[in-house]
Amino acid sequence: MKREISPMVYIMASARNGTLYIGVTSNLMQRVAQHRTGTLRGFSAKYRTKTLVWFEPHATMENAIIREKRLKKWNRAWKLRLIEETNADWRDLAVDLGFEPLR
């Protein structure tokens, strides 16, 4: 059985206007779980980026990777504006996907 691939670019945050992590994945649910449980080592674990504040689906993984690389080059103000265009309150969008609210 072939695994469903859903290319996605996403942004996790440590808090409102906090540290941002921009990533790409083929399985958003699994990746969010990894961020929230701290199983991803490195930057994400160090800065506790556990709140899903933005995500964007793509038709192909190649397109998602291109978008991720572009977003990483953006200045911080542009990234904050991108998040606030669709998530002005910096809600944890993972809750909408079925995750328990963070404490």
C-alpha atoms as a PDB file:
ATOM      1  CA  MET A   1       0.000   0.000   0.000  1.00  0.00           C
ATOM      2  CA  LYS A   2       1.445   3.335  -1.036  1.00  0.00           C
ATOM      3  CA  ARG A   3       1.710   6.021   1.648  1.00  0.00           C
ATOM      4  CA  GLU A   4      -0.172   9.224   0.904  1.00  0.00           C
ATOM      5  CA  ILE A   5       2.251  12.113   0.405  1.00  0.00           C
ATOM      6  CA  SER A   6       0.981  15.614   1.123  1.00  0.00           C
ATOM      7  CA  PRO A   7       3.815  18.110   0.580  1.00  0.00           C
ATOM      8  CA  MET A   8       3.495  20.947   3.070  1.00  0.00           C
ATOM      9  CA  VAL A   9       5.512  23.978   4.123  1.00  0.00           C
ATOM     10  CA  TYR A  10       4.861  24.957   7.725  1.00  0.00           C
ATOM     11  CA  ILE A  11       5.901  27.390  10.439  1.00  0.00           C
ATOM     12  CA  MET A  12       6.174  26.462  14.102  1.00  0.00           C
ATOM     13  CA  ALA A  13       6.643  29.105  16.802  1.00  0.00           C
ATOM     14  CA  SER A  14       7.829  29.090  20.408  1.00  0.00           C
ATOM     15  CA  ALA A  15       5.230  31.765  21.273  1.00  0.00           C
ATOM     16  CA  ARG A  16       3.511  34.754  19.695  1.00  0.00           C
ATOM     17  CA  ASN A  17       6.280  36.764  17.988  1.00  0.00           C
ATOM     18  CA  GLY A  18       8.744  34.205  19.346  1.00  0.00           C
ATOM     19  CA  THR A  19      11.292  32.006  17.623  1.00  0.00           C
ATOM     20  CA  LEU A  20      10.119  30.663  14.260  1.00  0.00           C
ATOM     21  CA  TYR A  21      10.944  27.349  12.609  1.00  0.00           C
ATOM     22  CA  ILE A  22      10.178  26.930   8.903  1.00  0.00           C
ATOM     23  CA  GLY A  23      10.056  23.392   7.613  1.00  0.00           C
ATOM     24  CA  VAL A  24       8.816  21.126   4.860  1.00  0.00           C
ATOM     25  CA  THR A  25       7.239  17.695   5.231  1.00  0.00           C
ATOM     26  CA  SER A  26       5.248  15.066   3.390  1.00  0.00           C
ATOM     27  CA  ASN A  27       3.274  14.252   6.571  1.00  0.00           C
ATOM     28  CA  LEU A  28       2.219  17.322   8.575  1.00  0.00           C
ATOM     29  CA  MET A  29       0.493  15.370  11.357  1.00  0.00           C
ATOM     30  CA  GLN A  30       3.587  13.279  12.053  1.00  0.00           C
ATOM     31  CA  ARG A  31       5.898  16.290  11.891  1.00  0.00           C
ATOM     32  CA  VAL A  32       3.737  18.355  14.267  1.00  0.00           C
ATOM     33  CA  ALA A  33       3.729  15.434  16.714  1.00  0.00           C
ATOM     34  CA  GLN A  34       7.541  15.298  16.515  1.00  0.00           C
ATOM     35  CA  HIS A  35       7.817  19.033  17.276  1.00  0.00           C
ATOM     36  CA  ARG A  36       5.354  18.819  20.156  1.00  0.00           C
ATOM     37  CA  THR A  37       7.004  15.816  21.818  1.00  0.00           C
ATOM     38  CA  GLY A  38      10.511  17.198  21.320  1.00  0.00           C
ATOM     39  CA  THR A  39      11.721  14.197  19.305  1.00  0.00           C
ATOM     40  CA  LEU A  40      13.216  16.506  16.668  1.00  0.00           C
ATOM     41  CA  ARG A  41      16.707  17.376  17.850  1.00  0.00           C
ATOM     42  CA  GLY A  42      18.595  20.570  17.145  1.00  0.00           C
ATOM     43  CA  PHE A  43      17.050  23.985  16.562  1.00  0.00           C
ATOM     44  CA  SER A  44      13.439  22.951  17.127  1.00  0.00           C
ATOM     45  CA  ALA A  45      14.135  21.241  20.455  1.00  0.00           C
ATOM     46  CA  LYS A  46      16.479  23.997  21.658  1.00  0.00           C
ATOM     47  CA  TYR A  47      13.978  26.803  20.998  1.00  0.00           C
ATOM     48  CA  ARG A  48      10.831  24.777  21.775  1.00  0.00           C
ATOM     49  CA  THR A  49       9.003  25.572  18.555  1.00  0.00           C
ATOM     50  CA  LYS A  50       5.858  23.554  19.296  1.00  0.00           C
ATOM     51  CA  THR A  51       2.998  25.761  18.079  1.00  0.00           C
ATOM     52  CA  LEU A  52       1.831  25.333  14.482  1.00  0.00           C
ATOM     53  CA  VAL A  53       1.037  28.873  13.330  1.00  0.00           C
ATOM     54  CA  TRP A  54       0.999  28.536   9.517  1.00  0.00           C
ATOM     55  CA  PHE A  55       1.033  25.881   6.824  1.00  0.00           C
ATOM     56  CA  GLU A  56       0.648  25.732   3.071  1.00  0.00           C
ATOM     57  CA  PRO A  57      -0.019  22.650   0.910  1.00  0.00           C
ATOM     58  CA  HIS A  58       1.831  22.096  -2.374  1.00  0.00           C
ATOM     59  CA  ALA A  59       1.231  19.869  -5.380  1.00  0.00           C
ATOM     60  CA  THR A  60       4.749  18.413  -5.334  1.00  0.00           C
ATOM     61  CA  MET A  61       7.548  18.037  -2.812  1.00  0.00           C
ATOM     62  CA  GLU A  62       9.819  19.930  -5.207  1.00  0.00           C
ATOM     63  CA  ASN A  63       7.490  22.962  -5.096  1.00  0.00           C
ATOM     64  CA  ALA A  64       7.279  22.765  -1.306  1.00  0.00           C
ATOM     65  CA  ILE A  65      11.065  22.689  -0.948  1.00  0.00           C
ATOM     66  CA  ILE A  66      11.458  25.691  -3.262  1.00  0.00           C
ATOM     67  CA  ARG A  67       8.889  27.636  -1.205  1.00  0.00           C
ATOM     68  CA  GLU A  68      10.546  26.645   2.096  1.00  0.00           C
ATOM     69  CA  LYS A  69      13.946  27.857   0.892  1.00  0.00           C
ATOM     70  CA  ARG A  70      12.439  31.180  -0.236  1.00  0.00           C
ATOM     71  CA  LEU A  71      10.636  31.724   3.069  1.00  0.00           C
ATOM     72  CA  LYS A  72      13.824  31.044   5.034  1.00  0.00           C
ATOM     73  CA  LYS A  73      15.480  33.927   3.164  1.00  0.00           C
ATOM     74  CA  TRP A  74      12.662  36.367   3.996  1.00  0.00           C
ATOM     75  CA  ASN A  75      13.193  38.991   6.675  1.00  0.00           C
ATOM     76  CA  ARG A  76      11.394  38.508   9.966  1.00  0.00           C
ATOM     77  CA  ALA A  77       8.762  41.189   9.331  1.00  0.00           C
ATOM     78  CA  TRP A  78       7.640  39.430   6.139  1.00  0.00           C
ATOM     79  CA  LYS A  79       7.369  36.102   7.971  1.00  0.00           C
ATOM     80  CA  LEU A  80       5.297  37.670  10.762  1.00  0.00           C
ATOM     81  CA  ARG A  81       3.003  39.309   8.199  1.00  0.00           C
ATOM     82  CA  LEU A  82       2.566  35.955   6.406  1.00  0.00           C
ATOM     83  CA  ILE A  83       1.480  34.280   9.651  1.00  0.00           C
ATOM     84  CA  GLU A  84      -0.835  37.116  10.678  1.00  0.00           C
ATOM     85  CA  GLU A  85      -2.585  37.242   7.282  1.00  0.00           C
ATOM     86  CA  THR A  86      -4.339  33.971   8.139  1.00  0.00           C
ATOM     87  CA  ASN A  87      -3.697  33.566  11.878  1.00  0.00           C
ATOM     88  CA  ALA A  88      -3.794  37.013  13.483  1.00  0.00           C
ATOM     89  CA  ASP A  89      -4.189  35.566  16.991  1.00  0.00           C
ATOM     90  CA  TRP A  90      -1.316  33.080  16.585  1.00  0.00           C
ATOM     91  CA  ARG A  91      -3.646  30.208  17.465  1.00  0.00           C
ATOM     92  CA  ASP A  92      -2.150  26.727  17.550  1.00  0.00           C
ATOM     93  CA  LEU A  93      -3.506  25.348  14.268  1.00  0.00           C
ATOM     94  CA  ALA A  94      -2.562  21.830  15.378  1.00  0.00           C
ATOM     95  CA  VAL A  95      -5.640  21.874  17.632  1.00  0.00           C
ATOM     96  CA  ASP A  96      -7.780  22.215  14.492  1.00  0.00           C
ATOM     97  CA  LEU A  97      -6.046  19.074  13.177  1.00  0.00           C
ATOM     98  CA  GLY A  98      -7.021  17.073  16.273  1.00  0.00           C
ATOM     99  CA  PHE A  99      -4.096  17.653  18.646  1.00  0.00           C
ATOM    100  CA  GLU A 100      -4.648  18.443  22.319  1.00  0.00           C
ATOM    101  CA  PRO A 101      -4.030  22.102  23.264  1.00  0.00           C
ATOM    102  CA  LEU A 102      -0.539  22.835  24.577  1.00  0.00           C
ATOM    103  CA  ARG A 103      -0.190  23.838  28.221  1.00  0.00           C
END
